């Protein structure tokens, strides 16, 4: 994963779009969390919302990830700045296109 991250970082940096480069921070944090999980014996390979397995997080990890998401997408990820009509996502619909 680290090699894929390094390739992404190099290519993203050459584009010159700061928000796009911030995705490398998300990827790097994911890699760090996976390494920490493995070191503690926690399963991480299939950790995602669909499997019900989750990576262990500390509060500072969440703060860091929110900072990256805010940089990429603006303030929409702050709980106190949510769009007035935004409803929590239905976890059953994540990763699937909505039927129209």
C-alpha atoms as a PDB file:
ATOM      1  CA  UNK A   1       0.000   0.000   0.000  1.00  0.00           C
ATOM      2  CA  UNK A   2       2.849   2.375   0.787  1.00  0.00           C
ATOM      3  CA  UNK A   3       4.286   1.987  -2.734  1.00  0.00           C
ATOM      4  CA  UNK A   4       0.882   2.804  -4.270  1.00  0.00           C
ATOM      5  CA  UNK A   5       0.619   5.817  -1.960  1.00  0.00           C
ATOM      6  CA  UNK A   6       4.066   7.087  -2.994  1.00  0.00           C
ATOM      7  CA  UNK A   7       3.146   6.820  -6.671  1.00  0.00           C
ATOM      8  CA  UNK A   8      -0.120   8.668  -6.081  1.00  0.00           C
ATOM      9  CA  UNK A   9       1.598  11.378  -4.034  1.00  0.00           C
ATOM     10  CA  UNK A  10       4.255  11.982  -6.688  1.00  0.00           C
ATOM     11  CA  UNK A  11       1.703  12.175  -9.491  1.00  0.00           C
ATOM     12  CA  UNK A  12      -0.767  14.277  -7.471  1.00  0.00           C
ATOM     13  CA  UNK A  13       1.945  16.754  -6.489  1.00  0.00           C
ATOM     14  CA  UNK A  14       2.845  17.257 -10.151  1.00  0.00           C
ATOM     15  CA  UNK A  15      -0.736  18.290 -10.979  1.00  0.00           C
ATOM     16  CA  UNK A  16      -0.603  21.378  -8.780  1.00  0.00           C
ATOM     17  CA  UNK A  17      -4.090  21.061  -7.241  1.00  0.00           C
ATOM     18  CA  UNK A  18      -3.724  21.282  -3.445  1.00  0.00           C
ATOM     19  CA  UNK A  19      -7.124  19.729  -2.682  1.00  0.00           C
ATOM     20  CA  UNK A  20      -6.312  16.711  -4.866  1.00  0.00           C
ATOM     21  CA  UNK A  21      -2.977  16.288  -3.091  1.00  0.00           C
ATOM     22  CA  UNK A  22      -4.856  16.121   0.234  1.00  0.00           C
ATOM     23  CA  UNK A  23      -6.161  12.685  -0.814  1.00  0.00           C
ATOM     24  CA  UNK A  24      -2.623  11.438  -0.233  1.00  0.00           C
ATOM     25  CA  UNK A  25      -3.020  12.470   3.418  1.00  0.00           C
ATOM     26  CA  UNK A  26      -6.181  10.369   3.662  1.00  0.00           C
ATOM     27  CA  UNK A  27      -4.356   7.427   2.125  1.00  0.00           C
ATOM     28  CA  UNK A  28      -1.343   7.832   4.391  1.00  0.00           C
ATOM     29  CA  UNK A  29      -3.537   7.928   7.510  1.00  0.00           C
ATOM     30  CA  UNK A  30      -5.359   4.791   6.331  1.00  0.00           C
ATOM     31  CA  UNK A  31      -2.019   3.020   5.921  1.00  0.00           C
ATOM     32  CA  UNK A  32      -0.936   4.140   9.407  1.00  0.00           C
ATOM     33  CA  UNK A  33      -4.199   2.925  10.945  1.00  0.00           C
ATOM     34  CA  UNK A  34      -3.846  -0.437   9.200  1.00  0.00           C
ATOM     35  CA  UNK A  35      -0.283  -0.824  10.474  1.00  0.00           C
ATOM     36  CA  UNK A  36      -1.366   0.037  14.007  1.00  0.00           C
ATOM     37  CA  UNK A  37      -4.247  -2.438  13.807  1.00  0.00           C
ATOM     38  CA  UNK A  38      -1.947  -5.188  12.567  1.00  0.00           C
ATOM     39  CA  UNK A  39       0.585  -4.478  15.313  1.00  0.00           C
ATOM     40  CA  UNK A  40      -2.156  -4.827  17.930  1.00  0.00           C
ATOM     41  CA  UNK A  41      -3.567  -7.985  16.345  1.00  0.00           C
ATOM     42  CA  UNK A  42      -6.802  -6.332  15.197  1.00  0.00           C
ATOM     43  CA  UNK A  43      -8.200  -7.443  11.817  1.00  0.00           C
ATOM     44  CA  UNK A  44      -7.885  -4.677   9.238  1.00  0.00           C
ATOM     45  CA  UNK A  45      -7.903  -6.187   5.760  1.00  0.00           C
ATOM     46  CA  UNK A  46     -11.696  -6.210   5.474  1.00  0.00           C
ATOM     47  CA  UNK A  47     -12.418  -3.314   7.812  1.00  0.00           C
ATOM     48  CA  UNK A  48     -15.151  -1.225   6.214  1.00  0.00           C
ATOM     49  CA  UNK A  49     -18.761  -0.247   6.747  1.00  0.00           C
ATOM     50  CA  UNK A  50     -20.021  -3.170   4.661  1.00  0.00           C
ATOM     51  CA  UNK A  51     -18.237  -5.868   6.694  1.00  0.00           C
ATOM     52  CA  UNK A  52     -19.011  -4.331  10.068  1.00  0.00           C
ATOM     53  CA  UNK A  53     -15.302  -4.487  10.995  1.00  0.00           C
ATOM     54  CA  UNK A  54     -13.734  -1.164  11.883  1.00  0.00           C
ATOM     55  CA  UNK A  55     -10.234   0.175  12.306  1.00  0.00           C
ATOM     56  CA  UNK A  56      -9.436   1.474  15.786  1.00  0.00           C
ATOM     57  CA  UNK A  57      -9.334   5.285  15.816  1.00  0.00           C
ATOM     58  CA  UNK A  58      -8.196   7.869  18.324  1.00  0.00           C
ATOM     59  CA  UNK A  59      -9.836  11.298  18.519  1.00  0.00           C
ATOM     60  CA  UNK A  60      -6.804  12.935  16.909  1.00  0.00           C
ATOM     61  CA  UNK A  61      -7.146  10.556  13.928  1.00  0.00           C
ATOM     62  CA  UNK A  62     -10.717  11.711  13.370  1.00  0.00           C
ATOM     63  CA  UNK A  63      -9.641  15.350  13.669  1.00  0.00           C
ATOM     64  CA  UNK A  64      -6.909  14.810  11.078  1.00  0.00           C
ATOM     65  CA  UNK A  65      -9.263  13.066   8.647  1.00  0.00           C
ATOM     66  CA  UNK A  66     -11.898  15.776   9.037  1.00  0.00           C
ATOM     67  CA  UNK A  67      -9.246  18.419   8.359  1.00  0.00           C
ATOM     68  CA  UNK A  68      -8.332  16.644   5.108  1.00  0.00           C
ATOM     69  CA  UNK A  69     -11.982  16.264   4.060  1.00  0.00           C
ATOM     70  CA  UNK A  70     -12.651  19.927   4.837  1.00  0.00           C
ATOM     71  CA  UNK A  71      -9.681  20.961   2.715  1.00  0.00           C
ATOM     72  CA  UNK A  72     -10.914  18.831  -0.185  1.00  0.00           C
ATOM     73  CA  UNK A  73     -14.658  19.456  -0.025  1.00  0.00           C
ATOM     74  CA  UNK A  74     -15.082  22.538   2.117  1.00  0.00           C
ATOM     75  CA  UNK A  75     -16.840  22.794   5.425  1.00  0.00           C
ATOM     76  CA  UNK A  76     -19.621  20.308   4.628  1.00  0.00           C
ATOM     77  CA  UNK A  77     -17.991  17.649   6.818  1.00  0.00           C
ATOM     78  CA  UNK A  78     -18.114  19.723   9.979  1.00  0.00           C
ATOM     79  CA  UNK A  79     -21.021  18.694  12.171  1.00  0.00           C
ATOM     80  CA  UNK A  80     -21.838  22.310  13.005  1.00  0.00           C
ATOM     81  CA  UNK A  81     -21.730  23.318   9.340  1.00  0.00           C
ATOM     82  CA  UNK A  82     -23.826  20.544   7.783  1.00  0.00           C
ATOM     83  CA  UNK A  83     -26.119  21.512   4.980  1.00  0.00           C
ATOM     84  CA  UNK A  84     -29.569  22.244   6.436  1.00  0.00           C
ATOM     85  CA  UNK A  85     -31.289  19.601   4.280  1.00  0.00           C
ATOM     86  CA  UNK A  86     -28.546  16.961   4.604  1.00  0.00           C
ATOM     87  CA  UNK A  87     -29.723  13.747   6.178  1.00  0.00           C
ATOM     88  CA  UNK A  88     -27.412  11.037   7.523  1.00  0.00           C
ATOM     89  CA  UNK A  89     -26.420   8.588   4.804  1.00  0.00           C
ATOM     90  CA  UNK A  90     -28.200   5.259   4.756  1.00  0.00           C
ATOM     91  CA  UNK A  91     -25.359   2.727   5.237  1.00  0.00           C
ATOM     92  CA  UNK A  92     -27.205   0.279   2.979  1.00  0.00           C
ATOM     93  CA  UNK A  93     -26.874   2.738   0.085  1.00  0.00           C
ATOM     94  CA  UNK A  94     -23.177   3.556   0.416  1.00  0.00           C
ATOM     95  CA  UNK A  95     -21.142   2.799  -2.648  1.00  0.00           C
ATOM     96  CA  UNK A  96     -24.189   2.341  -4.856  1.00  0.00           C
ATOM     97  CA  UNK A  97     -25.693   4.758  -7.307  1.00  0.00           C
ATOM     98  CA  UNK A  98     -29.151   5.891  -6.329  1.00  0.00           C
ATOM     99  CA  UNK A  99     -31.942   4.517  -8.501  1.00  0.00           C
ATOM    100  CA  UNK A 100     -33.643   7.253 -10.486  1.00  0.00           C
END
